[in-house]
Amino acid sequence: MTKKIKIGITGLPGAGKTHALRKVVEMLEAEGVKVGGMITDAIIENGKKVGFMVQDLLTKEEGVLAHIESRSEVRFLDYGVNMDVLDNIGVNAINTSIDGADVIVIDEVGKLEVESHNFVEVVKDALEADKPLLLTLHKKSRNPLLQDIRRRDDVRILEVTPINKNILPYKIIPLIKEEIGARPLHEMYT
């Protein structure tokens, strides 16, 4: 039995990884596909990025993962990081989606997230699950987990750019739909 497709979206910071991922999630959910896992997004205040939040796609629970005003001893760039939020929301969301979703989403496997042992372990579990997996990957990190993901035969890496971020979801959807046995793309959007 072959494992279901795993798609890694990579790109430079700000290229649109999360934008493309959100569009794929939106398109799948519109067709009744149960999408689980975690998604991160920037917190913008007065036009300036001040932190990052994490959200459980199934429960919609969210929390502040990192913020410039956080006094956390765990630091990433200018942000104080709340690793408990990553573990309690992000890790739990991924773990729940392994059994309870049709498609698993992990946004993002990056420098900050791989500092959590629990996160690393649940990503490994998700990679072994027999379900389609869509994850965003930090482009340049040499972290062992990221290097292992990039070397896997069952992971297809796609690079997002500001130019293709709006088109990429339409390339990803048919790959995932084929895996879950949903209606063909041309039937969905006609």
C-alpha atoms as a PDB file:
ATOM      1  CA  MET A   1       0.000   0.000   0.000  1.00  0.00           C
ATOM      2  CA  THR A   2       1.466   3.342  -0.991  1.00  0.00           C
ATOM      3  CA  LYS A   3       1.404   6.332   1.321  1.00  0.00           C
ATOM      4  CA  LYS A   4      -0.721   9.331   0.455  1.00  0.00           C
ATOM      5  CA  ILE A   5       0.922  12.358  -1.123  1.00  0.00           C
ATOM      6  CA  LYS A   6       2.822  14.830   1.037  1.00  0.00           C
ATOM      7  CA  ILE A   7       3.279  18.332  -0.377  1.00  0.00           C
ATOM      8  CA  GLY A   8       5.785  20.781   1.028  1.00  0.00           C
ATOM      9  CA  ILE A   9       5.382  24.445   0.144  1.00  0.00           C
ATOM     10  CA  THR A  10       8.604  26.376   0.501  1.00  0.00           C
ATOM     11  CA  GLY A  11       9.681  29.899  -0.306  1.00  0.00           C
ATOM     12  CA  LEU A  12      11.371  32.948   1.075  1.00  0.00           C
ATOM     13  CA  PRO A  13       9.773  34.797   4.012  1.00  0.00           C
ATOM     14  CA  GLY A  14       6.886  36.878   2.727  1.00  0.00           C
ATOM     15  CA  ALA A  15       6.622  34.969  -0.562  1.00  0.00           C
ATOM     16  CA  GLY A  16       3.106  33.758   0.212  1.00  0.00           C
ATOM     17  CA  LYS A  17       3.420  30.254   1.715  1.00  0.00           C
ATOM     18  CA  THR A  18       0.599  30.758   4.202  1.00  0.00           C
ATOM     19  CA  HIS A  19      -1.464  32.666   1.625  1.00  0.00           C
ATOM     20  CA  ALA A  20      -1.296  29.717  -0.802  1.00  0.00           C
ATOM     21  CA  LEU A  21      -1.952  27.235   2.008  1.00  0.00           C
ATOM     22  CA  ARG A  22      -5.015  29.137   3.237  1.00  0.00           C
ATOM     23  CA  LYS A  23      -6.436  29.151  -0.307  1.00  0.00           C
ATOM     24  CA  VAL A  24      -6.006  25.369  -0.576  1.00  0.00           C
ATOM     25  CA  VAL A  25      -7.701  24.880   2.811  1.00  0.00           C
ATOM     26  CA  GLU A  26     -10.561  27.176   1.768  1.00  0.00           C
ATOM     27  CA  MET A  27     -11.065  25.308  -1.528  1.00  0.00           C
ATOM     28  CA  LEU A  28     -11.011  21.891   0.149  1.00  0.00           C
ATOM     29  CA  GLU A  29     -13.396  22.928   2.926  1.00  0.00           C
ATOM     30  CA  ALA A  30     -15.790  24.388   0.333  1.00  0.00           C
ATOM     31  CA  GLU A  31     -16.070  20.865  -1.073  1.00  0.00           C
ATOM     32  CA  GLY A  32     -16.741  19.305   2.318  1.00  0.00           C
ATOM     33  CA  VAL A  33     -13.241  17.930   2.851  1.00  0.00           C
ATOM     34  CA  LYS A  34     -12.345  17.798   6.539  1.00  0.00           C
ATOM     35  CA  VAL A  35      -9.049  19.665   6.878  1.00  0.00           C
ATOM     36  CA  GLY A  36      -7.195  19.546  10.181  1.00  0.00           C
ATOM     37  CA  GLY A  37      -3.902  20.622  11.629  1.00  0.00           C
ATOM     38  CA  MET A  38      -2.426  23.998  12.424  1.00  0.00           C
ATOM     39  CA  ILE A  39      -1.907  27.242  10.602  1.00  0.00           C
ATOM     40  CA  THR A  40       0.108  30.272  11.665  1.00  0.00           C
ATOM     41  CA  ASP A  41      -0.307  33.864  10.659  1.00  0.00           C
ATOM     42  CA  ALA A  42       1.262  37.207  11.353  1.00  0.00           C
ATOM     43  CA  ILE A  43      -0.247  39.537  13.928  1.00  0.00           C
ATOM     44  CA  ILE A  44      -0.339  43.010  12.409  1.00  0.00           C
ATOM     45  CA  GLU A  45      -0.858  46.108  14.550  1.00  0.00           C
ATOM     46  CA  ASN A  46      -0.813  49.595  13.019  1.00  0.00           C
ATOM     47  CA  GLY A  47       0.580  48.155   9.788  1.00  0.00           C
ATOM     48  CA  LYS A  48       3.544  46.496  11.530  1.00  0.00           C
ATOM     49  CA  LYS A  49       4.166  42.781  12.188  1.00  0.00           C
ATOM     50  CA  VAL A  50       4.287  42.355  15.959  1.00  0.00           C
ATOM     51  CA  GLY A  51       3.943  38.606  16.331  1.00  0.00           C
ATOM     52  CA  PHE A  52       2.489  35.320  15.172  1.00  0.00           C
ATOM     53  CA  MET A  53      -0.631  33.400  16.110  1.00  0.00           C
ATOM     54  CA  VAL A  54      -1.387  29.707  15.721  1.00  0.00           C
ATOM     55  CA  GLN A  55      -4.813  28.234  14.979  1.00  0.00           C
ATOM     56  CA  ASP A  56      -6.276  24.724  15.157  1.00  0.00           C
ATOM     57  CA  LEU A  57      -8.085  24.276  11.824  1.00  0.00           C
ATOM     58  CA  LEU A  58     -10.683  21.862  13.229  1.00  0.00           C
ATOM     59  CA  THR A  59     -11.643  23.645  16.454  1.00  0.00           C
ATOM     60  CA  LYS A  60     -10.655  27.199  15.386  1.00  0.00           C
ATOM     61  CA  GLU A  61      -8.923  27.591  18.776  1.00  0.00           C
ATOM     62  CA  GLU A  62      -6.069  30.059  18.495  1.00  0.00           C
ATOM     63  CA  GLY A  63      -3.365  31.606  20.597  1.00  0.00           C
ATOM     64  CA  VAL A  64      -0.460  34.002  20.437  1.00  0.00           C
ATOM     65  CA  LEU A  65       2.646  31.995  19.603  1.00  0.00           C
ATOM     66  CA  ALA A  66       5.108  34.873  19.516  1.00  0.00           C
ATOM     67  CA  HIS A  67       4.895  38.616  20.185  1.00  0.00           C
ATOM     68  CA  ILE A  68       7.359  41.487  20.439  1.00  0.00           C
ATOM     69  CA  GLU A  69       5.911  42.449  23.831  1.00  0.00           C
ATOM     70  CA  SER A  70       6.161  38.936  25.273  1.00  0.00           C
ATOM     71  CA  ARG A  71       8.596  38.642  28.165  1.00  0.00           C
ATOM     72  CA  SER A  72       9.256  34.969  27.423  1.00  0.00           C
ATOM     73  CA  GLU A  73      12.814  33.760  27.923  1.00  0.00           C
ATOM     74  CA  VAL A  74      12.454  31.824  24.672  1.00  0.00           C
ATOM     75  CA  ARG A  75      13.302  34.337  21.938  1.00  0.00           C
ATOM     76  CA  PHE A  76      13.059  34.201  18.155  1.00  0.00           C
ATOM     77  CA  LEU A  77      14.299  37.272  16.338  1.00  0.00           C
ATOM     78  CA  ASP A  78      12.588  40.140  18.180  1.00  0.00           C
ATOM     79  CA  TYR A  79       9.756  38.001  19.502  1.00  0.00           C
ATOM     80  CA  GLY A  80       9.155  36.293  22.808  1.00  0.00           C
ATOM     81  CA  VAL A  81       7.822  32.809  22.114  1.00  0.00           C
ATOM     82  CA  ASN A  82       5.169  30.910  24.058  1.00  0.00           C
ATOM     83  CA  MET A  83       6.109  27.277  23.454  1.00  0.00           C
ATOM     84  CA  ASP A  84       3.100  26.155  25.526  1.00  0.00           C
ATOM     85  CA  VAL A  85       0.804  27.666  22.865  1.00  0.00           C
ATOM     86  CA  LEU A  86       2.654  25.723  20.170  1.00  0.00           C
ATOM     87  CA  ASP A  87       2.336  22.491  22.147  1.00  0.00           C
ATOM     88  CA  ASN A  88      -1.217  22.995  23.451  1.00  0.00           C
ATOM     89  CA  ILE A  89      -2.773  24.292  20.240  1.00  0.00           C
ATOM     90  CA  GLY A  90      -0.447  23.438  17.341  1.00  0.00           C
ATOM     91  CA  VAL A  91       0.777  20.006  18.400  1.00  0.00           C
ATOM     92  CA  ASN A  92      -2.677  18.965  19.622  1.00  0.00           C
ATOM     93  CA  ALA A  93      -4.231  20.162  16.340  1.00  0.00           C
ATOM     94  CA  ILE A  94      -1.830  18.060  14.273  1.00  0.00           C
ATOM     95  CA  ASN A  95      -2.248  15.042  16.523  1.00  0.00           C
ATOM     96  CA  THR A  96      -6.058  15.261  16.355  1.00  0.00           C
ATOM     97  CA  SER A  97      -5.998  15.644  12.560  1.00  0.00           C
ATOM     98  CA  ILE A  98      -3.957  12.449  12.077  1.00  0.00           C
ATOM     99  CA  ASP A  99      -7.058  10.441  13.020  1.00  0.00           C
ATOM    100  CA  GLY A 100      -9.829  12.995  12.624  1.00  0.00           C
ATOM    101  CA  ALA A 101      -9.298  14.778   9.297  1.00  0.00           C
ATOM    102  CA  ASP A 102      -9.166  13.892   5.607  1.00  0.00           C
ATOM    103  CA  VAL A 103      -6.152  16.155   4.990  1.00  0.00           C
ATOM    104  CA  ILE A 104      -3.457  17.203   7.473  1.00  0.00           C
ATOM    105  CA  VAL A 105      -2.025  20.737   7.355  1.00  0.00           C
ATOM    106  CA  ILE A 106       1.113  21.940   9.138  1.00  0.00           C
ATOM    107  CA  ASP A 107       2.058  25.609   8.820  1.00  0.00           C
ATOM    108  CA  GLU A 108       4.955  26.026   9.376  1.00  0.00           C
ATOM    109  CA  VAL A 109       7.900  23.692   9.902  1.00  0.00           C
ATOM    110  CA  GLY A 110      10.359  26.485  10.601  1.00  0.00           C
ATOM    111  CA  LYS A 111      13.185  27.562  12.860  1.00  0.00           C
ATOM    112  CA  LEU A 112      10.894  28.535  15.719  1.00  0.00           C
ATOM    113  CA  GLU A 113       8.633  25.490  15.652  1.00  0.00           C
ATOM    114  CA  VAL A 114      11.407  22.878  15.535  1.00  0.00           C
ATOM    115  CA  GLU A 115      12.546  24.082  18.966  1.00  0.00           C
ATOM    116  CA  SER A 116       9.632  22.077  20.389  1.00  0.00           C
ATOM    117  CA  HIS A 117      10.396  18.362  20.820  1.00  0.00           C
ATOM    118  CA  ASN A 118       6.643  17.648  20.849  1.00  0.00           C
ATOM    119  CA  PHE A 119       6.201  19.489  17.554  1.00  0.00           C
ATOM    120  CA  VAL A 120       9.045  17.578  15.898  1.00  0.00           C
ATOM    121  CA  GLU A 121       7.586  14.256  17.027  1.00  0.00           C
ATOM    122  CA  VAL A 122       4.027  15.011  15.861  1.00  0.00           C
ATOM    123  CA  VAL A 123       5.338  16.169  12.461  1.00  0.00           C
ATOM    124  CA  LYS A 124       7.125  12.823  12.124  1.00  0.00           C
ATOM    125  CA  ASP A 125       3.868  11.050  13.029  1.00  0.00           C
ATOM    126  CA  ALA A 126       1.944  13.090  10.447  1.00  0.00           C
ATOM    127  CA  LEU A 127       4.509  12.217   7.780  1.00  0.00           C
ATOM    128  CA  GLU A 128       3.902   8.525   8.453  1.00  0.00           C
ATOM    129  CA  ALA A 129       0.100   8.840   8.415  1.00  0.00           C
ATOM    130  CA  ASP A 130      -1.686   7.414   5.403  1.00  0.00           C
ATOM    131  CA  LYS A 131      -3.370  10.726   4.637  1.00  0.00           C
ATOM    132  CA  PRO A 132      -2.546  13.621   2.333  1.00  0.00           C
ATOM    133  CA  LEU A 133      -0.325  16.130   4.115  1.00  0.00           C
ATOM    134  CA  LEU A 134       0.280  19.733   3.177  1.00  0.00           C
ATOM    135  CA  LEU A 135       3.002  21.590   5.015  1.00  0.00           C
ATOM    136  CA  THR A 136       4.959  24.786   4.659  1.00  0.00           C
ATOM    137  CA  LEU A 137       8.709  24.573   5.078  1.00  0.00           C
ATOM    138  CA  HIS A 138      11.309  27.165   5.971  1.00  0.00           C
ATOM    139  CA  LYS A 139      13.382  27.505   2.807  1.00  0.00           C
ATOM    140  CA  LYS A 140      16.933  27.709   4.142  1.00  0.00           C
ATOM    141  CA  SER A 141      16.950  25.986   7.532  1.00  0.00           C
ATOM    142  CA  ARG A 142      19.422  23.172   7.962  1.00  0.00           C
ATOM    143  CA  ASN A 143      17.489  21.676  10.858  1.00  0.00           C
ATOM    144  CA  PRO A 144      17.606  17.843  10.703  1.00  0.00           C
ATOM    145  CA  LEU A 145      13.797  17.535  10.562  1.00  0.00           C
ATOM    146  CA  LEU A 146      13.578  19.888   7.573  1.00  0.00           C
ATOM    147  CA  GLN A 147      16.438  18.120   5.825  1.00  0.00           C
ATOM    148  CA  ASP A 148      14.744  14.751   6.408  1.00  0.00           C
ATOM    149  CA  ILE A 149      11.453  16.062   4.993  1.00  0.00           C
ATOM    150  CA  ARG A 150      13.186  17.414   1.883  1.00  0.00           C
ATOM    151  CA  ARG A 151      14.898  14.032   1.279  1.00  0.00           C
ATOM    152  CA  ARG A 152      11.759  11.916   1.529  1.00  0.00           C
ATOM    153  CA  ASP A 153      10.619  10.186  -1.648  1.00  0.00           C
ATOM    154  CA  ASP A 154       6.955  10.735  -0.786  1.00  0.00           C
ATOM    155  CA  VAL A 155       7.240  14.517  -0.341  1.00  0.00           C
ATOM    156  CA  ARG A 156       6.793  16.765  -3.339  1.00  0.00           C
ATOM    157  CA  ILE A 157       8.342  20.205  -2.752  1.00  0.00           C
ATOM    158  CA  LEU A 158       6.776  23.196  -4.497  1.00  0.00           C
ATOM    159  CA  GLU A 159       8.213  26.702  -4.273  1.00  0.00           C
ATOM    160  CA  VAL A 160       5.898  29.648  -3.860  1.00  0.00           C
ATOM    161  CA  THR A 161       6.809  33.108  -5.092  1.00  0.00           C
ATOM    162  CA  PRO A 162       4.894  36.390  -5.012  1.00  0.00           C
ATOM    163  CA  ILE A 163       4.147  35.729  -8.704  1.00  0.00           C
ATOM    164  CA  ASN A 164       2.749  32.176  -8.399  1.00  0.00           C
ATOM    165  CA  LYS A 165       1.144  32.333  -4.919  1.00  0.00           C
ATOM    166  CA  ASN A 166      -2.335  32.754  -6.417  1.00  0.00           C
ATOM    167  CA  ILE A 167      -1.877  30.005  -9.031  1.00  0.00           C
ATOM    168  CA  LEU A 168      -0.143  27.391  -6.859  1.00  0.00           C
ATOM    169  CA  PRO A 169      -3.314  26.324  -4.992  1.00  0.00           C
ATOM    170  CA  TYR A 170      -4.893  25.344  -8.324  1.00  0.00           C
ATOM    171  CA  LYS A 171      -1.920  23.042  -8.946  1.00  0.00           C
ATOM    172  CA  ILE A 172      -2.089  21.536  -5.455  1.00  0.00           C
ATOM    173  CA  ILE A 173      -5.857  20.876  -5.303  1.00  0.00           C
ATOM    174  CA  PRO A 174      -5.926  18.197  -8.062  1.00  0.00           C
ATOM    175  CA  LEU A 175      -3.064  16.340  -6.385  1.00  0.00           C
ATOM    176  CA  ILE A 176      -4.883  16.204  -3.060  1.00  0.00           C
ATOM    177  CA  LYS A 177      -8.323  15.541  -4.545  1.00  0.00           C
ATOM    178  CA  GLU A 178      -6.956  12.546  -6.431  1.00  0.00           C
ATOM    179  CA  GLU A 179      -5.647  11.113  -3.149  1.00  0.00           C
ATOM    180  CA  ILE A 180      -8.921  11.447  -1.267  1.00  0.00           C
ATOM    181  CA  GLY A 181     -11.070  10.265  -4.156  1.00  0.00           C
ATOM    182  CA  ALA A 182     -13.070  13.464  -4.497  1.00  0.00           C
ATOM    183  CA  ARG A 183     -14.715  14.747  -7.649  1.00  0.00           C
ATOM    184  CA  PRO A 184     -12.315  15.873 -10.367  1.00  0.00           C
ATOM    185  CA  LEU A 185     -11.320  19.531 -10.310  1.00  0.00           C
ATOM    186  CA  HIS A 186     -13.137  20.353 -13.557  1.00  0.00           C
ATOM    187  CA  GLU A 187     -16.407  19.153 -12.020  1.00  0.00           C
ATOM    188  CA  MET A 188     -15.850  21.191  -8.851  1.00  0.00           C
ATOM    189  CA  TYR A 189     -15.400  24.551 -10.557  1.00  0.00           C
ATOM    190  CA  THR A 190     -17.799  24.374 -13.520  1.00  0.00           C
END
